[in-house]
Amino acid sequence: MLPNRPFTILVAEDDEEDRLLLDEAFMQNGLFDCGRFVEDGDQVIDYLMNCIGPEAVNPLPSLVIMDINMPLRNGLETLQAIRSDHQLKNIPVLILTSSRQEVEKAYRLGANSYLVKPIQFTELIQMISDVTTYWRDTVNLPYNEY
């Protein structure tokens, strides 16, 4: 994490209840106003395209947390699009899904992590804490300035 760079998480989740739970888990971890929420893969790409270039209107996310099963463009297709764009390919992408079925494919396509949605809310809070500690406080990531 670069100093003075805000920690922003782009979350792609089509289920409204899951979005609300994730937002609450962020707040339980002291991550106020860090989450940016979209509902499908096309919205992920639109958001990210509005993060780059001289007319950028969105903050470049520190990481993307994305469901696999979304309408329009699913999470794996979106992951491929991110990894194939030279301006976006270094953004960490975490797959958060209820399915254990696509783990190998997700890593092959360039996912940085594959997380299975916990059943209990307390486990989700802990997962967000672990993710934040690792991606915000532990690793050094290459960031391009656009």
N, C-alpha and C. Protein backbone atom coordinates (compact mmCIF):
# COMPACT_ATOMS: atom_id res chain seq x y z
N MET A 1 0.84 -1.18 0.00
CA MET A 1 0.00 0.00 0.00
C MET A 1 0.88 1.24 0.00
N LEU A 2 0.60 2.15 -0.89
CA LEU A 2 1.35 3.40 -0.93
C LEU A 2 0.86 4.34 0.16
N PRO A 3 1.80 5.09 0.77
CA PRO A 3 1.37 6.05 1.78
C PRO A 3 0.43 7.08 1.15
N ASN A 4 -0.51 7.56 1.93
CA ASN A 4 -1.47 8.59 1.52
C ASN A 4 -2.43 8.13 0.43
N ARG A 5 -2.41 6.89 0.08
CA ARG A 5 -3.36 6.39 -0.92
C ARG A 5 -4.55 5.81 -0.17
N PRO A 6 -5.76 6.28 -0.46
CA PRO A 6 -6.92 5.74 0.25
C PRO A 6 -7.13 4.26 -0.06
N PHE A 7 -7.57 3.52 0.93
CA PHE A 7 -7.86 2.11 0.75
C PHE A 7 -9.29 1.99 0.28
N THR A 8 -9.47 1.61 -0.98
CA THR A 8 -10.78 1.52 -1.60
C THR A 8 -10.98 0.10 -2.11
N ILE A 9 -12.14 -0.46 -1.82
CA ILE A 9 -12.47 -1.81 -2.27
C ILE A 9 -13.67 -1.72 -3.20
N LEU A 10 -13.49 -2.20 -4.42
CA LEU A 10 -14.60 -2.31 -5.36
C LEU A 10 -15.22 -3.69 -5.18
N VAL A 11 -16.49 -3.74 -4.83
CA VAL A 11 -17.19 -5.00 -4.60
C VAL A 11 -18.22 -5.20 -5.70
N ALA A 12 -18.13 -6.34 -6.37
CA ALA A 12 -19.11 -6.71 -7.40
C ALA A 12 -19.94 -7.86 -6.87
N GLU A 13 -21.18 -7.56 -6.55
CA GLU A 13 -22.08 -8.55 -5.95
C GLU A 13 -23.50 -8.23 -6.40
N ASP A 14 -24.15 -9.18 -7.04
CA ASP A 14 -25.50 -8.91 -7.56
C ASP A 14 -26.59 -9.09 -6.51
N ASP A 15 -26.30 -9.76 -5.41
CA ASP A 15 -27.30 -9.99 -4.37
C ASP A 15 -27.30 -8.82 -3.37
N GLU A 16 -28.43 -8.13 -3.28
CA GLU A 16 -28.52 -6.94 -2.43
C GLU A 16 -28.23 -7.26 -0.96
N GLU A 17 -28.73 -8.38 -0.47
CA GLU A 17 -28.50 -8.74 0.92
C GLU A 17 -27.00 -8.97 1.18
N ASP A 18 -26.33 -9.63 0.26
CA ASP A 18 -24.88 -9.85 0.41
C ASP A 18 -24.12 -8.52 0.38
N ARG A 19 -24.55 -7.58 -0.46
CA ARG A 19 -23.91 -6.26 -0.50
C ARG A 19 -24.06 -5.57 0.85
N LEU A 20 -25.26 -5.62 1.42
CA LEU A 20 -25.49 -4.99 2.72
C LEU A 20 -24.66 -5.65 3.81
N LEU A 21 -24.56 -6.97 3.79
CA LEU A 21 -23.74 -7.68 4.78
C LEU A 21 -22.26 -7.32 4.64
N LEU A 22 -21.78 -7.24 3.41
CA LEU A 22 -20.39 -6.86 3.20
C LEU A 22 -20.13 -5.43 3.68
N ASP A 23 -21.04 -4.52 3.38
CA ASP A 23 -20.88 -3.14 3.83
C ASP A 23 -20.86 -3.07 5.35
N GLU A 24 -21.73 -3.83 6.00
CA GLU A 24 -21.74 -3.87 7.47
C GLU A 24 -20.45 -4.49 8.01
N ALA A 25 -19.94 -5.52 7.35
CA ALA A 25 -18.67 -6.13 7.77
C ALA A 25 -17.52 -5.13 7.62
N PHE A 26 -17.55 -4.32 6.57
CA PHE A 26 -16.54 -3.26 6.43
C PHE A 26 -16.62 -2.32 7.63
N MET A 27 -17.83 -1.87 7.95
CA MET A 27 -17.99 -0.92 9.06
C MET A 27 -17.56 -1.54 10.39
N GLN A 28 -17.87 -2.83 10.59
CA GLN A 28 -17.45 -3.51 11.82
C GLN A 28 -15.93 -3.57 11.94
N ASN A 29 -15.25 -3.45 10.81
CA ASN A 29 -13.79 -3.45 10.80
C ASN A 29 -13.20 -2.05 10.70
N GLY A 30 -14.04 -1.03 10.89
CA GLY A 30 -13.56 0.35 10.85
C GLY A 30 -13.29 0.86 9.45
N LEU A 31 -13.81 0.19 8.46
CA LEU A 31 -13.60 0.59 7.06
C LEU A 31 -14.81 1.39 6.58
N PHE A 32 -14.89 2.61 7.05
CA PHE A 32 -16.02 3.47 6.71
C PHE A 32 -15.77 4.10 5.35
N ASP A 33 -16.74 4.06 4.49
CA ASP A 33 -16.69 4.70 3.18
C ASP A 33 -15.56 4.18 2.29
N CYS A 34 -15.13 2.94 2.48
CA CYS A 34 -14.08 2.41 1.61
C CYS A 34 -14.67 1.54 0.50
N GLY A 35 -15.88 1.05 0.69
CA GLY A 35 -16.49 0.15 -0.29
C GLY A 35 -17.21 0.89 -1.39
N ARG A 36 -16.96 0.47 -2.61
CA ARG A 36 -17.71 0.93 -3.78
C ARG A 36 -18.40 -0.31 -4.33
N PHE A 37 -19.70 -0.26 -4.47
CA PHE A 37 -20.48 -1.44 -4.81
C PHE A 37 -21.08 -1.34 -6.21
N VAL A 38 -20.93 -2.42 -6.96
CA VAL A 38 -21.57 -2.56 -8.26
C VAL A 38 -22.24 -3.93 -8.29
N GLU A 39 -23.09 -4.15 -9.31
CA GLU A 39 -23.92 -5.35 -9.31
C GLU A 39 -23.56 -6.39 -10.36
N ASP A 40 -22.71 -6.06 -11.32
CA ASP A 40 -22.37 -7.04 -12.35
C ASP A 40 -21.01 -6.72 -12.95
N GLY A 41 -20.54 -7.64 -13.78
CA GLY A 41 -19.22 -7.49 -14.38
C GLY A 41 -19.09 -6.29 -15.30
N ASP A 42 -20.14 -5.96 -16.03
CA ASP A 42 -20.09 -4.77 -16.89
C ASP A 42 -19.90 -3.51 -16.06
N GLN A 43 -20.56 -3.45 -14.90
CA GLN A 43 -20.39 -2.29 -14.03
C GLN A 43 -18.98 -2.23 -13.44
N VAL A 44 -18.36 -3.38 -13.20
CA VAL A 44 -16.97 -3.40 -12.75
C VAL A 44 -16.08 -2.73 -13.79
N ILE A 45 -16.21 -3.16 -15.03
CA ILE A 45 -15.37 -2.62 -16.10
C ILE A 45 -15.65 -1.13 -16.29
N ASP A 46 -16.92 -0.73 -16.27
CA ASP A 46 -17.26 0.70 -16.39
C ASP A 46 -16.62 1.50 -15.26
N TYR A 47 -16.72 1.00 -14.04
CA TYR A 47 -16.13 1.69 -12.89
C TYR A 47 -14.62 1.84 -13.09
N LEU A 48 -13.96 0.74 -13.44
CA LEU A 48 -12.51 0.77 -13.58
C LEU A 48 -12.06 1.68 -14.72
N MET A 49 -12.80 1.70 -15.81
CA MET A 49 -12.45 2.59 -16.92
C MET A 49 -12.57 4.06 -16.52
N ASN A 50 -13.42 4.33 -15.54
CA ASN A 50 -13.56 5.69 -15.03
C ASN A 50 -12.56 6.02 -13.93
N CYS A 51 -11.59 5.13 -13.72
CA CYS A 51 -10.52 5.34 -12.74
C CYS A 51 -9.22 5.76 -13.42
N ILE A 52 -9.15 5.63 -14.72
CA ILE A 52 -7.88 5.84 -15.41
C ILE A 52 -8.00 7.00 -16.39
N GLY A 53 -6.87 7.59 -16.67
CA GLY A 53 -6.83 8.68 -17.63
C GLY A 53 -7.03 10.03 -16.96
N PRO A 54 -6.85 11.09 -17.72
CA PRO A 54 -6.92 12.44 -17.17
C PRO A 54 -8.32 12.83 -16.70
N GLU A 55 -9.34 12.16 -17.18
CA GLU A 55 -10.71 12.49 -16.79
C GLU A 55 -11.29 11.48 -15.80
N ALA A 56 -10.42 10.84 -15.03
CA ALA A 56 -10.87 9.84 -14.06
C ALA A 56 -11.82 10.46 -13.04
N VAL A 57 -12.92 9.77 -12.78
CA VAL A 57 -13.90 10.27 -11.81
C VAL A 57 -14.02 9.35 -10.60
N ASN A 58 -13.49 8.14 -10.67
CA ASN A 58 -13.54 7.19 -9.56
C ASN A 58 -12.15 6.98 -9.01
N PRO A 59 -12.03 6.73 -7.69
CA PRO A 59 -10.72 6.36 -7.16
C PRO A 59 -10.35 4.95 -7.64
N LEU A 60 -9.11 4.77 -8.04
CA LEU A 60 -8.65 3.44 -8.43
C LEU A 60 -8.71 2.54 -7.20
N PRO A 61 -9.42 1.42 -7.27
CA PRO A 61 -9.55 0.59 -6.07
C PRO A 61 -8.23 -0.06 -5.69
N SER A 62 -8.05 -0.25 -4.39
CA SER A 62 -6.90 -0.97 -3.88
C SER A 62 -7.03 -2.44 -4.21
N LEU A 63 -8.26 -2.93 -4.24
CA LEU A 63 -8.54 -4.30 -4.64
C LEU A 63 -9.99 -4.43 -5.06
N VAL A 64 -10.26 -5.50 -5.78
CA VAL A 64 -11.61 -5.82 -6.24
C VAL A 64 -12.02 -7.14 -5.58
N ILE A 65 -13.20 -7.15 -4.98
CA ILE A 65 -13.79 -8.37 -4.45
C ILE A 65 -15.01 -8.66 -5.32
N MET A 66 -15.04 -9.85 -5.91
CA MET A 66 -16.04 -10.10 -6.93
C MET A 66 -16.66 -11.49 -6.79
N ASP A 67 -17.98 -11.52 -6.93
CA ASP A 67 -18.71 -12.78 -7.00
C ASP A 67 -18.47 -13.40 -8.38
N ILE A 68 -18.61 -14.70 -8.49
CA ILE A 68 -18.49 -15.35 -9.81
C ILE A 68 -19.81 -15.27 -10.56
N ASN A 69 -20.89 -15.61 -9.90
CA ASN A 69 -22.19 -15.70 -10.56
C ASN A 69 -22.90 -14.36 -10.53
N MET A 70 -22.73 -13.60 -11.61
CA MET A 70 -23.37 -12.30 -11.75
C MET A 70 -24.01 -12.22 -13.12
N PRO A 71 -25.02 -11.36 -13.25
CA PRO A 71 -25.65 -11.19 -14.56
C PRO A 71 -24.73 -10.46 -15.54
N LEU A 72 -25.09 -10.52 -16.80
CA LEU A 72 -24.38 -9.88 -17.91
C LEU A 72 -23.01 -10.50 -18.10
N ARG A 73 -22.01 -10.03 -17.41
CA ARG A 73 -20.65 -10.58 -17.52
C ARG A 73 -20.33 -11.19 -16.16
N ASN A 74 -20.06 -12.50 -16.12
CA ASN A 74 -19.80 -13.13 -14.83
C ASN A 74 -18.42 -12.76 -14.29
N GLY A 75 -18.14 -13.20 -13.08
CA GLY A 75 -16.89 -12.83 -12.43
C GLY A 75 -15.64 -13.31 -13.15
N LEU A 76 -15.68 -14.51 -13.72
CA LEU A 76 -14.51 -15.02 -14.42
C LEU A 76 -14.27 -14.27 -15.72
N GLU A 77 -15.33 -13.93 -16.43
CA GLU A 77 -15.18 -13.13 -17.65
C GLU A 77 -14.65 -11.73 -17.31
N THR A 78 -15.12 -11.18 -16.22
CA THR A 78 -14.66 -9.87 -15.78
C THR A 78 -13.20 -9.93 -15.37
N LEU A 79 -12.82 -10.99 -14.67
CA LEU A 79 -11.42 -11.19 -14.29
C LEU A 79 -10.53 -11.22 -15.52
N GLN A 80 -10.94 -11.94 -16.54
CA GLN A 80 -10.17 -11.99 -17.79
C GLN A 80 -10.02 -10.60 -18.40
N ALA A 81 -11.09 -9.83 -18.39
CA ALA A 81 -11.03 -8.48 -18.96
C ALA A 81 -10.07 -7.59 -18.18
N ILE A 82 -10.08 -7.70 -16.86
CA ILE A 82 -9.16 -6.91 -16.03
C ILE A 82 -7.72 -7.31 -16.31
N ARG A 83 -7.46 -8.60 -16.34
CA ARG A 83 -6.09 -9.08 -16.54
C ARG A 83 -5.56 -8.79 -17.95
N SER A 84 -6.44 -8.60 -18.91
CA SER A 84 -5.98 -8.33 -20.28
C SER A 84 -5.78 -6.84 -20.55
N ASP A 85 -6.10 -5.99 -19.61
CA ASP A 85 -5.92 -4.54 -19.78
C ASP A 85 -4.64 -4.11 -19.07
N HIS A 86 -3.71 -3.54 -19.81
CA HIS A 86 -2.40 -3.21 -19.23
C HIS A 86 -2.50 -2.17 -18.12
N GLN A 87 -3.54 -1.37 -18.09
CA GLN A 87 -3.68 -0.36 -17.04
C GLN A 87 -4.37 -0.91 -15.79
N LEU A 88 -5.01 -2.03 -15.91
CA LEU A 88 -5.78 -2.58 -14.78
C LEU A 88 -5.21 -3.88 -14.24
N LYS A 89 -4.33 -4.52 -14.97
CA LYS A 89 -3.93 -5.89 -14.66
C LYS A 89 -3.27 -6.08 -13.30
N ASN A 90 -2.72 -5.02 -12.69
CA ASN A 90 -2.06 -5.17 -11.40
C ASN A 90 -2.99 -5.03 -10.21
N ILE A 91 -4.25 -4.68 -10.45
CA ILE A 91 -5.20 -4.56 -9.34
C ILE A 91 -5.49 -5.95 -8.79
N PRO A 92 -5.31 -6.16 -7.49
CA PRO A 92 -5.64 -7.47 -6.93
C PRO A 92 -7.14 -7.76 -7.05
N VAL A 93 -7.46 -8.97 -7.48
CA VAL A 93 -8.85 -9.39 -7.62
C VAL A 93 -9.06 -10.63 -6.76
N LEU A 94 -10.01 -10.51 -5.84
CA LEU A 94 -10.38 -11.61 -4.95
C LEU A 94 -11.75 -12.11 -5.36
N ILE A 95 -11.86 -13.39 -5.57
CA ILE A 95 -13.15 -14.00 -5.88
C ILE A 95 -13.79 -14.41 -4.56
N LEU A 96 -15.00 -13.93 -4.32
CA LEU A 96 -15.76 -14.27 -3.12
C LEU A 96 -17.08 -14.87 -3.58
N THR A 97 -17.25 -16.15 -3.36
CA THR A 97 -18.41 -16.83 -3.92
C THR A 97 -18.88 -17.94 -2.99
N SER A 98 -20.06 -18.43 -3.23
CA SER A 98 -20.58 -19.53 -2.42
C SER A 98 -20.17 -20.88 -2.98
N SER A 99 -19.53 -20.89 -4.14
CA SER A 99 -19.18 -22.14 -4.83
C SER A 99 -17.69 -22.45 -4.71
N ARG A 100 -17.38 -23.70 -4.48
CA ARG A 100 -15.99 -24.15 -4.49
C ARG A 100 -15.60 -24.72 -5.85
N GLN A 101 -16.51 -24.67 -6.81
CA GLN A 101 -16.36 -25.37 -8.08
C GLN A 101 -15.35 -24.74 -9.05
N GLU A 102 -15.17 -23.44 -9.00
CA GLU A 102 -14.38 -22.75 -10.02
C GLU A 102 -13.00 -22.31 -9.54
N VAL A 103 -12.53 -22.86 -8.41
CA VAL A 103 -11.30 -22.37 -7.81
C VAL A 103 -10.11 -22.47 -8.77
N GLU A 104 -9.92 -23.62 -9.41
CA GLU A 104 -8.78 -23.80 -10.31
C GLU A 104 -8.85 -22.83 -11.48
N LYS A 105 -10.01 -22.70 -12.07
CA LYS A 105 -10.17 -21.80 -13.22
C LYS A 105 -9.92 -20.36 -12.81
N ALA A 106 -10.40 -19.95 -11.64
CA ALA A 106 -10.20 -18.58 -11.19
C ALA A 106 -8.72 -18.26 -11.02
N TYR A 107 -7.97 -19.16 -10.42
CA TYR A 107 -6.53 -18.93 -10.27
C TYR A 107 -5.83 -18.94 -11.62
N ARG A 108 -6.22 -19.82 -12.50
CA ARG A 108 -5.61 -19.88 -13.83
C ARG A 108 -5.83 -18.56 -14.59
N LEU A 109 -6.98 -17.93 -14.37
CA LEU A 109 -7.29 -16.67 -15.05
C LEU A 109 -6.68 -15.45 -14.36
N GLY A 110 -6.05 -15.66 -13.21
CA GLY A 110 -5.33 -14.56 -12.56
C GLY A 110 -5.91 -14.04 -11.27
N ALA A 111 -6.83 -14.77 -10.64
CA ALA A 111 -7.35 -14.34 -9.34
C ALA A 111 -6.22 -14.35 -8.32
N ASN A 112 -6.22 -13.37 -7.42
CA ASN A 112 -5.22 -13.32 -6.36
C ASN A 112 -5.64 -14.15 -5.15
N SER A 113 -6.94 -14.31 -4.96
CA SER A 113 -7.47 -15.13 -3.88
C SER A 113 -8.83 -15.66 -4.29
N TYR A 114 -9.19 -16.78 -3.70
CA TYR A 114 -10.50 -17.39 -3.94
C TYR A 114 -11.09 -17.66 -2.57
N LEU A 115 -12.12 -16.92 -2.20
CA LEU A 115 -12.72 -17.01 -0.88
C LEU A 115 -14.14 -17.53 -0.99
N VAL A 116 -14.49 -18.46 -0.12
CA VAL A 116 -15.85 -18.98 -0.08
C VAL A 116 -16.62 -18.18 0.97
N LYS A 117 -17.79 -17.69 0.57
CA LYS A 117 -18.61 -16.87 1.47
C LYS A 117 -18.94 -17.66 2.73
N PRO A 118 -18.64 -17.08 3.89
CA PRO A 118 -18.98 -17.76 5.13
C PRO A 118 -20.48 -17.73 5.38
N ILE A 119 -20.95 -18.67 6.16
CA ILE A 119 -22.37 -18.75 6.49
C ILE A 119 -22.72 -17.79 7.62
N GLN A 120 -21.86 -17.70 8.61
CA GLN A 120 -22.10 -16.84 9.77
C GLN A 120 -21.56 -15.44 9.54
N PHE A 121 -22.31 -14.43 9.98
CA PHE A 121 -21.88 -13.04 9.82
C PHE A 121 -20.57 -12.77 10.56
N THR A 122 -20.40 -13.37 11.74
CA THR A 122 -19.15 -13.17 12.49
C THR A 122 -17.95 -13.67 11.70
N GLU A 123 -18.14 -14.74 10.93
CA GLU A 123 -17.06 -15.25 10.08
C GLU A 123 -16.77 -14.29 8.93
N LEU A 124 -17.80 -13.63 8.40
CA LEU A 124 -17.60 -12.64 7.35
C LEU A 124 -16.82 -11.45 7.89
N ILE A 125 -17.15 -11.01 9.09
CA ILE A 125 -16.40 -9.91 9.72
C ILE A 125 -14.93 -10.28 9.84
N GLN A 126 -14.65 -11.50 10.30
CA GLN A 126 -13.26 -11.95 10.44
C GLN A 126 -12.58 -12.04 9.08
N MET A 127 -13.29 -12.54 8.07
CA MET A 127 -12.71 -12.64 6.74
C MET A 127 -12.32 -11.26 6.21
N ILE A 128 -13.19 -10.28 6.38
CA ILE A 128 -12.89 -8.92 5.92
C ILE A 128 -11.71 -8.36 6.70
N SER A 129 -11.63 -8.65 7.98
CA SER A 129 -10.49 -8.23 8.79
C SER A 129 -9.20 -8.84 8.25
N ASP A 130 -9.22 -10.13 7.96
CA ASP A 130 -8.03 -10.80 7.42
C ASP A 130 -7.64 -10.24 6.06
N VAL A 131 -8.62 -10.04 5.20
CA VAL A 131 -8.36 -9.49 3.86
C VAL A 131 -7.74 -8.10 3.99
N THR A 132 -8.31 -7.28 4.85
CA THR A 132 -7.81 -5.92 5.03
C THR A 132 -6.39 -5.91 5.59
N THR A 133 -6.17 -6.72 6.61
CA THR A 133 -4.83 -6.79 7.19
C THR A 133 -3.81 -7.17 6.14
N TYR A 134 -4.14 -8.15 5.33
CA TYR A 134 -3.19 -8.60 4.32
C TYR A 134 -3.01 -7.57 3.21
N TRP A 135 -4.10 -7.15 2.57
CA TRP A 135 -3.99 -6.31 1.37
C TRP A 135 -3.71 -4.85 1.67
N ARG A 136 -4.08 -4.35 2.85
CA ARG A 136 -3.81 -2.96 3.17
C ARG A 136 -2.53 -2.80 3.98
N ASP A 137 -2.30 -3.70 4.94
CA ASP A 137 -1.25 -3.50 5.92
C ASP A 137 0.01 -4.33 5.69
N THR A 138 -0.08 -5.42 4.95
CA THR A 138 1.05 -6.34 4.86
C THR A 138 1.81 -6.26 3.55
N VAL A 139 1.12 -6.36 2.43
CA VAL A 139 1.81 -6.46 1.15
C VAL A 139 2.15 -5.09 0.57
N ASN A 140 3.15 -5.10 -0.29
CA ASN A 140 3.48 -3.93 -1.10
C ASN A 140 3.07 -4.26 -2.52
N LEU A 141 2.24 -3.42 -3.09
CA LEU A 141 1.71 -3.68 -4.43
C LEU A 141 2.23 -2.65 -5.42
N PRO A 142 2.41 -3.07 -6.67
CA PRO A 142 2.77 -2.09 -7.70
C PRO A 142 1.52 -1.30 -8.08
N TYR A 143 1.61 0.00 -8.03
CA TYR A 143 0.49 0.83 -8.45
C TYR A 143 0.94 1.74 -9.58
N ASN A 144 0.13 1.79 -10.58
CA ASN A 144 0.35 2.74 -11.66
C ASN A 144 -0.46 3.98 -11.33
N GLU A 145 0.10 5.13 -11.60
CA GLU A 145 -0.64 6.37 -11.42
C GLU A 145 -1.19 6.78 -12.77
N TYR A 146 -2.48 7.02 -12.84
CA TYR A 146 -3.12 7.35 -14.10
C TYR A 146 -3.56 8.78 -14.09
